[in-house]
Amino acid sequence: KGRQSRQMVNVDELGFPRSKPKGSGRVRGFRTGDLVKAVVAPHLNARGIHVGRVLVRTRGIFDIQTRHGRVKDVPARYCHSLYQNDGYAYQLGAALPTRG
């Protein structure tokens, strides 16, 4: 799995900076691609328990990509980290049966 790119700012065709530098890579301890479990309160639109990869936003409200689709607008305070993004693509699901 890819992670972040080193390019710090977008440039035009002459090589001059065209925008602001990239933002922070971490938001409230989470990075894009981390596996999280979110237990969201029932009064929010994203209510329920969601497990998947997080897509961070600087405002602290994330999206979570689960096996069933994308869950939008999950506040960071409801997220708990399961695995840090280390470059491997972990699968969510049942464990493999043991041989015996």
PDB file of N, CA and C in Angstrom:
ATOM      1  N   LYS A   1       0.847  -1.187   0.000  1.00  0.00           N
ATOM      2  CA  LYS A   1       0.000   0.000   0.000  1.00  0.00           C
ATOM      3  C   LYS A   1       0.882   1.235   0.000  1.00  0.00           C
ATOM      4  N   GLY A   2       0.523   2.217  -0.757  1.00  0.00           N
ATOM      5  CA  GLY A   2       1.255   3.474  -0.749  1.00  0.00           C
ATOM      6  C   GLY A   2       0.899   4.302   0.465  1.00  0.00           C
ATOM      7  N   ARG A   3       1.771   5.230   0.780  1.00  0.00           N
ATOM      8  CA  ARG A   3       1.500   6.121   1.903  1.00  0.00           C
ATOM      9  C   ARG A   3       1.523   7.544   1.384  1.00  0.00           C
ATOM     10  N   GLN A   4       2.297   8.403   1.992  1.00  0.00           N
ATOM     11  CA  GLN A   4       2.272   9.799   1.594  1.00  0.00           C
ATOM     12  C   GLN A   4       3.303  10.090   0.527  1.00  0.00           C
ATOM     13  N   SER A   5       3.094  11.191  -0.189  1.00  0.00           N
ATOM     14  CA  SER A   5       4.011  11.641  -1.214  1.00  0.00           C
ATOM     15  C   SER A   5       4.894  12.734  -0.619  1.00  0.00           C
ATOM     16  N   ARG A   6       6.100  12.871  -1.110  1.00  0.00           N
ATOM     17  CA  ARG A   6       7.030  13.842  -0.543  1.00  0.00           C
ATOM     18  C   ARG A   6       6.836  15.234  -1.120  1.00  0.00           C
ATOM     19  N   GLN A   7       6.119  15.372  -2.234  1.00  0.00           N
ATOM     20  CA  GLN A   7       5.939  16.679  -2.845  1.00  0.00           C
ATOM     21  C   GLN A   7       5.220  17.604  -1.866  1.00  0.00           C
ATOM     22  N   MET A   8       5.847  18.732  -1.523  1.00  0.00           N
ATOM     23  CA  MET A   8       5.333  19.592  -0.464  1.00  0.00           C
ATOM     24  C   MET A   8       4.321  20.621  -0.954  1.00  0.00           C
ATOM     25  N   VAL A   9       4.363  20.988  -2.258  1.00  0.00           N
ATOM     26  CA  VAL A   9       3.434  21.987  -2.768  1.00  0.00           C
ATOM     27  C   VAL A   9       3.241  21.743  -4.265  1.00  0.00           C
ATOM     28  N   ASN A  10       2.048  22.022  -4.759  1.00  0.00           N
ATOM     29  CA  ASN A  10       1.798  21.916  -6.191  1.00  0.00           C
ATOM     30  C   ASN A  10       2.532  23.040  -6.911  1.00  0.00           C
ATOM     31  N   VAL A  11       3.049  22.742  -8.095  1.00  0.00           N
ATOM     32  CA  VAL A  11       3.790  23.744  -8.857  1.00  0.00           C
ATOM     33  C   VAL A  11       3.162  23.889 -10.239  1.00  0.00           C
ATOM     34  N   ASP A  12       3.402  25.055 -10.875  1.00  0.00           N
ATOM     35  CA  ASP A  12       2.910  25.267 -12.228  1.00  0.00           C
ATOM     36  C   ASP A  12       3.910  24.721 -13.238  1.00  0.00           C
ATOM     37  N   GLU A  13       3.684  24.983 -14.529  1.00  0.00           N
ATOM     38  CA  GLU A  13       4.547  24.416 -15.567  1.00  0.00           C
ATOM     39  C   GLU A  13       5.963  24.974 -15.537  1.00  0.00           C
ATOM     40  N   LEU A  14       6.182  26.112 -14.880  1.00  0.00           N
ATOM     41  CA  LEU A  14       7.520  26.693 -14.771  1.00  0.00           C
ATOM     42  C   LEU A  14       8.230  26.283 -13.483  1.00  0.00           C
ATOM     43  N   GLY A  15       7.520  25.592 -12.582  1.00  0.00           N
ATOM     44  CA  GLY A  15       8.136  25.125 -11.349  1.00  0.00           C
ATOM     45  C   GLY A  15       7.913  26.035 -10.154  1.00  0.00           C
ATOM     46  N   PHE A  16       7.102  27.081 -10.316  1.00  0.00           N
ATOM     47  CA  PHE A  16       6.830  27.981  -9.196  1.00  0.00           C
ATOM     48  C   PHE A  16       5.670  27.449  -8.368  1.00  0.00           C
ATOM     49  N   PRO A  17       5.684  27.702  -7.052  1.00  0.00           N
ATOM     50  CA  PRO A  17       4.599  27.200  -6.201  1.00  0.00           C
ATOM     51  C   PRO A  17       3.256  27.786  -6.626  1.00  0.00           C
ATOM     52  N   ARG A  18       2.238  26.933  -6.638  1.00  0.00           N
ATOM     53  CA  ARG A  18       0.921  27.336  -7.090  1.00  0.00           C
ATOM     54  C   ARG A  18      -0.092  27.382  -5.950  1.00  0.00           C
ATOM     55  N   SER A  19       0.243  26.814  -4.825  1.00  0.00           N
ATOM     56  CA  SER A  19      -0.698  26.756  -3.712  1.00  0.00           C
ATOM     57  C   SER A  19       0.078  26.742  -2.407  1.00  0.00           C
ATOM     58  N   LYS A  20      -0.625  26.489  -1.323  1.00  0.00           N
ATOM     59  CA  LYS A  20       0.010  26.399  -0.013  1.00  0.00           C
ATOM     60  C   LYS A  20       0.677  25.035   0.153  1.00  0.00           C
ATOM     61  N   PRO A  21       1.621  24.913   1.090  1.00  0.00           N
ATOM     62  CA  PRO A  21       2.212  23.599   1.363  1.00  0.00           C
ATOM     63  C   PRO A  21       1.168  22.616   1.897  1.00  0.00           C
ATOM     64  N   LYS A  22       1.483  21.332   1.795  1.00  0.00           N
ATOM     65  CA  LYS A  22       0.582  20.301   2.280  1.00  0.00           C
ATOM     66  C   LYS A  22       0.379  20.425   3.777  1.00  0.00           C
ATOM     67  N   GLY A  23      -0.771  19.972   4.225  1.00  0.00           N
ATOM     68  CA  GLY A  23      -1.097  20.026   5.640  1.00  0.00           C
ATOM     69  C   GLY A  23      -0.419  18.922   6.425  1.00  0.00           C
ATOM     70  N   SER A  24      -0.757  18.847   7.687  1.00  0.00           N
ATOM     71  CA  SER A  24      -0.176  17.864   8.590  1.00  0.00           C
ATOM     72  C   SER A  24      -0.587  16.450   8.183  1.00  0.00           C
ATOM     73  N   GLY A  25       0.308  15.491   8.389  1.00  0.00           N
ATOM     74  CA  GLY A  25       0.013  14.107   8.046  1.00  0.00           C
ATOM     75  C   GLY A  25      -0.824  13.414   9.094  1.00  0.00           C
ATOM     76  N   ARG A  26      -0.838  13.916  10.315  1.00  0.00           N
ATOM     77  CA  ARG A  26      -1.598  13.315  11.410  1.00  0.00           C
ATOM     78  C   ARG A  26      -2.655  14.279  11.914  1.00  0.00           C
ATOM     79  N   VAL A  27      -3.821  13.744  12.220  1.00  0.00           N
ATOM     80  CA  VAL A  27      -4.901  14.531  12.801  1.00  0.00           C
ATOM     81  C   VAL A  27      -5.406  13.769  14.007  1.00  0.00           C
ATOM     82  N   ARG A  28      -5.214  14.321  15.192  1.00  0.00           N
ATOM     83  CA  ARG A  28      -5.637  13.723  16.462  1.00  0.00           C
ATOM     84  C   ARG A  28      -5.140  12.288  16.625  1.00  0.00           C
ATOM     85  N   GLY A  29      -3.910  12.039  16.152  1.00  0.00           N
ATOM     86  CA  GLY A  29      -3.286  10.737  16.321  1.00  0.00           C
ATOM     87  C   GLY A  29      -3.595   9.730  15.224  1.00  0.00           C
ATOM     88  N   PHE A  30      -4.380  10.099  14.221  1.00  0.00           N
ATOM     89  CA  PHE A  30      -4.750   9.197  13.136  1.00  0.00           C
ATOM     90  C   PHE A  30      -4.119   9.669  11.837  1.00  0.00           C
ATOM     91  N   ARG A  31      -3.774   8.704  10.969  1.00  0.00           N
ATOM     92  CA  ARG A  31      -3.317   8.984   9.611  1.00  0.00           C
ATOM     93  C   ARG A  31      -4.242   8.273   8.645  1.00  0.00           C
ATOM     94  N   THR A  32      -4.318   8.790   7.431  1.00  0.00           N
ATOM     95  CA  THR A  32      -5.113   8.128   6.414  1.00  0.00           C
ATOM     96  C   THR A  32      -4.584   6.712   6.192  1.00  0.00           C
ATOM     97  N   GLY A  33      -5.475   5.740   6.209  1.00  0.00           N
ATOM     98  CA  GLY A  33      -5.105   4.348   6.012  1.00  0.00           C
ATOM     99  C   GLY A  33      -5.074   3.528   7.283  1.00  0.00           C
ATOM    100  N   ASP A  34      -5.116   4.158   8.456  1.00  0.00           N
ATOM    101  CA  ASP A  34      -5.147   3.411   9.708  1.00  0.00           C
ATOM    102  C   ASP A  34      -6.455   2.626   9.820  1.00  0.00           C
ATOM    103  N   LEU A  35      -6.391   1.444  10.417  1.00  0.00           N
ATOM    104  CA  LEU A  35      -7.599   0.690  10.710  1.00  0.00           C
ATOM    105  C   LEU A  35      -8.159   1.170  12.028  1.00  0.00           C
ATOM    106  N   VAL A  36      -9.445   1.501  12.045  1.00  0.00           N
ATOM    107  CA  VAL A  36     -10.076   2.016  13.256  1.00  0.00           C
ATOM    108  C   VAL A  36     -11.394   1.302  13.500  1.00  0.00           C
ATOM    109  N   LYS A  37     -11.833   1.389  14.742  1.00  0.00           N
ATOM    110  CA  LYS A  37     -13.169   0.957  15.127  1.00  0.00           C
ATOM    111  C   LYS A  37     -13.866   2.174  15.699  1.00  0.00           C
ATOM    112  N   ALA A  38     -15.018   2.507  15.143  1.00  0.00           N
ATOM    113  CA  ALA A  38     -15.767   3.673  15.605  1.00  0.00           C
ATOM    114  C   ALA A  38     -17.100   3.216  16.169  1.00  0.00           C
ATOM    115  N   VAL A  39     -17.353   3.595  17.407  1.00  0.00           N
ATOM    116  CA  VAL A  39     -18.647   3.352  18.044  1.00  0.00           C
ATOM    117  C   VAL A  39     -19.318   4.715  18.148  1.00  0.00           C
ATOM    118  N   VAL A  40     -20.235   4.993  17.222  1.00  0.00           N
ATOM    119  CA  VAL A  40     -20.812   6.327  17.069  1.00  0.00           C
ATOM    120  C   VAL A  40     -22.139   6.396  17.810  1.00  0.00           C
ATOM    121  N   ALA A  41     -22.366   7.519  18.481  1.00  0.00           N
ATOM    122  CA  ALA A  41     -23.574   7.740  19.274  1.00  0.00           C
ATOM    123  C   ALA A  41     -24.821   7.702  18.388  1.00  0.00           C
ATOM    124  N   PRO A  42     -25.964   7.305  18.955  1.00  0.00           N
ATOM    125  CA  PRO A  42     -27.175   7.146  18.142  1.00  0.00           C
ATOM    126  C   PRO A  42     -27.771   8.448  17.624  1.00  0.00           C
ATOM    127  N   HIS A  43     -27.406   9.587  18.168  1.00  0.00           N
ATOM    128  CA  HIS A  43     -28.006  10.844  17.703  1.00  0.00           C
ATOM    129  C   HIS A  43     -27.315  11.416  16.461  1.00  0.00           C
ATOM    130  N   LEU A  44     -26.242  10.784  15.978  1.00  0.00           N
ATOM    131  CA  LEU A  44     -25.543  11.246  14.783  1.00  0.00           C
ATOM    132  C   LEU A  44     -25.985  10.462  13.550  1.00  0.00           C
ATOM    133  N   ASN A  45     -25.731  11.023  12.371  1.00  0.00           N
ATOM    134  CA  ASN A  45     -26.125  10.349  11.128  1.00  0.00           C
ATOM    135  C   ASN A  45     -25.343   9.068  10.896  1.00  0.00           C
ATOM    136  N   ALA A  46     -24.095   8.997  11.354  1.00  0.00           N
ATOM    137  CA  ALA A  46     -23.251   7.819  11.153  1.00  0.00           C
ATOM    138  C   ALA A  46     -23.348   6.859  12.329  1.00  0.00           C
ATOM    139  N   ARG A  47     -24.519   6.737  12.930  1.00  0.00           N
ATOM    140  CA  ARG A  47     -24.699   5.933  14.139  1.00  0.00           C
ATOM    141  C   ARG A  47     -24.342   4.474  13.891  1.00  0.00           C
ATOM    142  N   GLY A  48     -23.861   3.811  14.944  1.00  0.00           N
ATOM    143  CA  GLY A  48     -23.546   2.392  14.851  1.00  0.00           C
ATOM    144  C   GLY A  48     -22.077   2.113  15.098  1.00  0.00           C
ATOM    145  N   ILE A  49     -21.672   0.878  14.845  1.00  0.00           N
ATOM    146  CA  ILE A  49     -20.294   0.433  15.017  1.00  0.00           C
ATOM    147  C   ILE A  49     -19.714   0.184  13.630  1.00  0.00           C
ATOM    148  N   HIS A  50     -18.590   0.834  13.344  1.00  0.00           N
ATOM    149  CA  HIS A  50     -17.959   0.734  12.035  1.00  0.00           C
ATOM    150  C   HIS A  50     -16.498   0.365  12.210  1.00  0.00           C
ATOM    151  N   VAL A  51     -16.009  -0.590  11.401  1.00  0.00           N
ATOM    152  CA  VAL A  51     -14.610  -0.993  11.411  1.00  0.00           C
ATOM    153  C   VAL A  51     -14.098  -0.887   9.989  1.00  0.00           C
ATOM    154  N   GLY A  52     -13.000  -0.120   9.814  1.00  0.00           N
ATOM    155  CA  GLY A  52     -12.445   0.030   8.478  1.00  0.00           C
ATOM    156  C   GLY A  52     -11.287   1.004   8.461  1.00  0.00           C
ATOM    157  N   ARG A  53     -10.903   1.410   7.253  1.00  0.00           N
ATOM    158  CA  ARG A  53      -9.796   2.338   7.068  1.00  0.00           C
ATOM    159  C   ARG A  53     -10.295   3.762   7.176  1.00  0.00           C
ATOM    160  N   VAL A  54      -9.519   4.593   7.853  1.00  0.00           N
ATOM    161  CA  VAL A  54      -9.924   5.973   8.092  1.00  0.00           C
ATOM    162  C   VAL A  54      -9.331   6.883   7.017  1.00  0.00           C
ATOM    163  N   LEU A  55     -10.090   7.897   6.652  1.00  0.00           N
ATOM    164  CA  LEU A  55      -9.642   8.954   5.751  1.00  0.00           C
ATOM    165  C   LEU A  55      -9.741  10.240   6.562  1.00  0.00           C
ATOM    166  N   VAL A  56      -8.600  10.792   6.979  1.00  0.00           N
ATOM    167  CA  VAL A  56      -8.603  11.896   7.935  1.00  0.00           C
ATOM    168  C   VAL A  56      -8.894  13.225   7.246  1.00  0.00           C
ATOM    169  N   ARG A  57      -9.486  14.111   7.995  1.00  0.00           N
ATOM    170  CA  ARG A  57      -9.734  15.493   7.605  1.00  0.00           C
ATOM    171  C   ARG A  57      -9.164  16.388   8.699  1.00  0.00           C
ATOM    172  N   THR A  58      -8.683  17.552   8.331  1.00  0.00           N
ATOM    173  CA  THR A  58      -8.053  18.417   9.331  1.00  0.00           C
ATOM    174  C   THR A  58      -9.049  18.962  10.344  1.00  0.00           C
ATOM    175  N   ARG A  59     -10.326  18.984  10.021  1.00  0.00           N
ATOM    176  CA  ARG A  59     -11.318  19.507  10.963  1.00  0.00           C
ATOM    177  C   ARG A  59     -11.703  18.498  12.037  1.00  0.00           C
ATOM    178  N   GLY A  60     -11.180  17.245  11.943  1.00  0.00           N
ATOM    179  CA  GLY A  60     -11.415  16.256  12.990  1.00  0.00           C
ATOM    180  C   GLY A  60     -12.631  15.388  12.760  1.00  0.00           C
ATOM    181  N   ILE A  61     -13.247  15.490  11.587  1.00  0.00           N
ATOM    182  CA  ILE A  61     -14.380  14.636  11.239  1.00  0.00           C
ATOM    183  C   ILE A  61     -13.940  13.775  10.059  1.00  0.00           C
ATOM    184  N   PHE A  62     -13.947  12.462  10.241  1.00  0.00           N
ATOM    185  CA  PHE A  62     -13.330  11.548   9.303  1.00  0.00           C
ATOM    186  C   PHE A  62     -14.373  10.800   8.481  1.00  0.00           C
ATOM    187  N   ASP A  63     -13.898  10.125   7.421  1.00  0.00           N
ATOM    188  CA  ASP A  63     -14.670   9.128   6.687  1.00  0.00           C
ATOM    189  C   ASP A  63     -14.028   7.777   6.975  1.00  0.00           C
ATOM    190  N   ILE A  64     -14.847   6.735   7.005  1.00  0.00           N
ATOM    191  CA  ILE A  64     -14.343   5.383   7.231  1.00  0.00           C
ATOM    192  C   ILE A  64     -14.796   4.506   6.078  1.00  0.00           C
ATOM    193  N   GLN A  65     -13.831   3.845   5.439  1.00  0.00           N
ATOM    194  CA  GLN A  65     -14.124   2.925   4.344  1.00  0.00           C
ATOM    195  C   GLN A  65     -14.239   1.523   4.924  1.00  0.00           C
ATOM    196  N   THR A  66     -15.451   0.978   4.948  1.00  0.00           N
ATOM    197  CA  THR A  66     -15.694  -0.354   5.480  1.00  0.00           C
ATOM    198  C   THR A  66     -15.886  -1.336   4.325  1.00  0.00           C
ATOM    199  N   ARG A  67     -16.130  -2.602   4.652  1.00  0.00           N
ATOM    200  CA  ARG A  67     -16.398  -3.598   3.616  1.00  0.00           C
ATOM    201  C   ARG A  67     -17.709  -3.313   2.899  1.00  0.00           C
ATOM    202  N   HIS A  68     -18.610  -2.589   3.548  1.00  0.00           N
ATOM    203  CA  HIS A  68     -19.938  -2.349   2.998  1.00  0.00           C
ATOM    204  C   HIS A  68     -20.066  -0.992   2.325  1.00  0.00           C
ATOM    205  N   GLY A  69     -19.015  -0.187   2.354  1.00  0.00           N
ATOM    206  CA  GLY A  69     -19.067   1.131   1.732  1.00  0.00           C
ATOM    207  C   GLY A  69     -18.455   2.189   2.630  1.00  0.00           C
ATOM    208  N   ARG A  70     -18.570   3.438   2.222  1.00  0.00           N
ATOM    209  CA  ARG A  70     -17.976   4.545   2.959  1.00  0.00           C
ATOM    210  C   ARG A  70     -18.988   5.148   3.926  1.00  0.00           C
ATOM    211  N   VAL A  71     -18.541   5.366   5.163  1.00  0.00           N
ATOM    212  CA  VAL A  71     -19.341   6.026   6.187  1.00  0.00           C
ATOM    213  C   VAL A  71     -18.775   7.424   6.350  1.00  0.00           C
ATOM    214  N   LYS A  72     -19.604   8.444   6.162  1.00  0.00           N
ATOM    215  CA  LYS A  72     -19.129   9.823   6.183  1.00  0.00           C
ATOM    216  C   LYS A  72     -19.407  10.488   7.520  1.00  0.00           C
ATOM    217  N   ASP A  73     -18.599  11.481   7.828  1.00  0.00           N
ATOM    218  CA  ASP A  73     -18.779  12.380   8.974  1.00  0.00           C
ATOM    219  C   ASP A  73     -18.791  11.655  10.314  1.00  0.00           C
ATOM    220  N   VAL A  74     -17.689  10.959  10.597  1.00  0.00           N
ATOM    221  CA  VAL A  74     -17.506  10.300  11.893  1.00  0.00           C
ATOM    222  C   VAL A  74     -16.540  11.157  12.706  1.00  0.00           C
ATOM    223  N   PRO A  75     -16.966  11.721  13.840  1.00  0.00           N
ATOM    224  CA  PRO A  75     -16.055  12.524  14.656  1.00  0.00           C
ATOM    225  C   PRO A  75     -14.902  11.685  15.211  1.00  0.00           C
ATOM    226  N   ALA A  76     -13.749  12.310  15.356  1.00  0.00           N
ATOM    227  CA  ALA A  76     -12.542  11.615  15.799  1.00  0.00           C
ATOM    228  C   ALA A  76     -12.680  11.070  17.218  1.00  0.00           C
ATOM    229  N   ARG A  77     -13.485  11.692  18.046  1.00  0.00           N
ATOM    230  CA  ARG A  77     -13.598  11.238  19.437  1.00  0.00           C
ATOM    231  C   ARG A  77     -14.259   9.874  19.559  1.00  0.00           C
ATOM    232  N   TYR A  78     -14.943   9.406  18.508  1.00  0.00           N
ATOM    233  CA  TYR A  78     -15.571   8.093  18.536  1.00  0.00           C
ATOM    234  C   TYR A  78     -14.681   7.000  17.936  1.00  0.00           C
ATOM    235  N   CYS A  79     -13.505   7.361  17.420  1.00  0.00           N
ATOM    236  CA  CYS A  79     -12.623   6.405  16.750  1.00  0.00           C
ATOM    237  C   CYS A  79     -11.565   5.870  17.703  1.00  0.00           C
ATOM    238  N   HIS A  80     -11.301   4.569  17.596  1.00  0.00           N
ATOM    239  CA  HIS A  80     -10.251   3.912  18.364  1.00  0.00           C
ATOM    240  C   HIS A  80      -9.365   3.156  17.387  1.00  0.00           C
ATOM    241  N   SER A  81      -8.061   3.343  17.495  1.00  0.00           N
ATOM    242  CA  SER A  81      -7.119   2.765  16.549  1.00  0.00           C
ATOM    243  C   SER A  81      -6.966   1.264  16.785  1.00  0.00           C
ATOM    244  N   LEU A  82      -7.020   0.491  15.690  1.00  0.00           N
ATOM    245  CA  LEU A  82      -6.762  -0.936  15.749  1.00  0.00           C
ATOM    246  C   LEU A  82      -5.363  -1.246  15.231  1.00  0.00           C
ATOM    247  N   TYR A  83      -5.002  -0.702  14.057  1.00  0.00           N
ATOM    248  CA  TYR A  83      -3.684  -0.889  13.456  1.00  0.00           C
ATOM    249  C   TYR A  83      -3.240   0.426  12.844  1.00  0.00           C
ATOM    250  N   GLN A  84      -1.948   0.717  12.962  1.00  0.00           N
ATOM    251  CA  GLN A  84      -1.381   1.883  12.293  1.00  0.00           C
ATOM    252  C   GLN A  84      -1.104   1.527  10.840  1.00  0.00           C
ATOM    253  N   ASN A  85      -1.146   2.502   9.961  1.00  0.00           N
ATOM    254  CA  ASN A  85      -0.863   2.280   8.542  1.00  0.00           C
ATOM    255  C   ASN A  85       0.627   2.011   8.397  1.00  0.00           C
ATOM    256  N   ASP A  86       0.981   0.728   8.134  1.00  0.00           N
ATOM    257  CA  ASP A  86       2.391   0.373   8.018  1.00  0.00           C
ATOM    258  C   ASP A  86       2.761  -0.089   6.620  1.00  0.00           C
ATOM    259  N   GLY A  87       1.864   0.084   5.648  1.00  0.00           N
ATOM    260  CA  GLY A  87       2.182  -0.264   4.273  1.00  0.00           C
ATOM    261  C   GLY A  87       1.596  -1.581   3.816  1.00  0.00           C
ATOM    262  N   TYR A  88       1.114  -2.418   4.733  1.00  0.00           N
ATOM    263  CA  TYR A  88       0.506  -3.686   4.363  1.00  0.00           C
ATOM    264  C   TYR A  88      -1.011  -3.530   4.286  1.00  0.00           C
ATOM    265  N   ALA A  89      -1.641  -4.302   3.445  1.00  0.00           N
ATOM    266  CA  ALA A  89      -3.091  -4.251   3.284  1.00  0.00           C
ATOM    267  C   ALA A  89      -3.703  -5.387   4.093  1.00  0.00           C
ATOM    268  N   TYR A  90      -4.149  -5.091   5.306  1.00  0.00           N
ATOM    269  CA  TYR A  90      -4.774  -6.099   6.152  1.00  0.00           C
ATOM    270  C   TYR A  90      -6.235  -6.289   5.727  1.00  0.00           C
ATOM    271  N   GLN A  91      -6.710  -7.520   5.786  1.00  0.00           N
ATOM    272  CA  GLN A  91      -8.078  -7.823   5.434  1.00  0.00           C
ATOM    273  C   GLN A  91      -8.927  -7.865   6.693  1.00  0.00           C
ATOM    274  N   LEU A  92     -10.150  -7.389   6.589  1.00  0.00           N
ATOM    275  CA  LEU A  92     -11.099  -7.484   7.684  1.00  0.00           C
ATOM    276  C   LEU A  92     -12.004  -8.677   7.412  1.00  0.00           C
ATOM    277  N   GLY A  93     -12.212  -9.505   8.421  1.00  0.00           N
ATOM    278  CA  GLY A  93     -13.087 -10.657   8.241  1.00  0.00           C
ATOM    279  C   GLY A  93     -12.762 -11.741   9.235  1.00  0.00           C
ATOM    280  N   ALA A  94     -13.266 -12.917   8.968  1.00  0.00           N
ATOM    281  CA  ALA A  94     -13.063 -14.036   9.866  1.00  0.00           C
ATOM    282  C   ALA A  94     -11.634 -14.555   9.772  1.00  0.00           C
ATOM    283  N   ALA A  95     -11.139 -15.089  10.861  1.00  0.00           N
ATOM    284  CA  ALA A  95      -9.793 -15.658  10.882  1.00  0.00           C
ATOM    285  C   ALA A  95      -9.784 -16.981  10.121  1.00  0.00           C
ATOM    286  N   LEU A  96      -8.600 -17.362   9.643  1.00  0.00           N
ATOM    287  CA  LEU A  96      -8.464 -18.624   8.949  1.00  0.00           C
ATOM    288  C   LEU A  96      -8.603 -19.778   9.941  1.00  0.00           C
ATOM    289  N   PRO A  97      -9.227 -20.878   9.529  1.00  0.00           N
ATOM    290  CA  PRO A  97      -9.350 -22.009  10.443  1.00  0.00           C
ATOM    291  C   PRO A  97      -7.989 -22.640  10.694  1.00  0.00           C
ATOM    292  N   THR A  98      -7.812 -23.162  11.895  1.00  0.00           N
ATOM    293  CA  THR A  98      -6.542 -23.792  12.246  1.00  0.00           C
ATOM    294  C   THR A  98      -6.553 -25.244  11.795  1.00  0.00           C
ATOM    295  N   ARG A  99      -5.376 -25.756  11.450  1.00  0.00           N
ATOM    296  CA  ARG A  99      -5.259 -27.155  11.069  1.00  0.00           C
ATOM    297  C   ARG A  99      -5.031 -27.992  12.314  1.00  0.00           C
ATOM    298  N   GLY A 100      -5.694 -29.088  12.392  1.00  0.00           N
ATOM    299  CA  GLY A 100      -5.517 -29.839  13.601  1.00  0.00           C
ATOM    300  C   GLY A 100      -5.717 -31.246  13.475  1.00  0.00           C
TER     301      GLY A 100
END
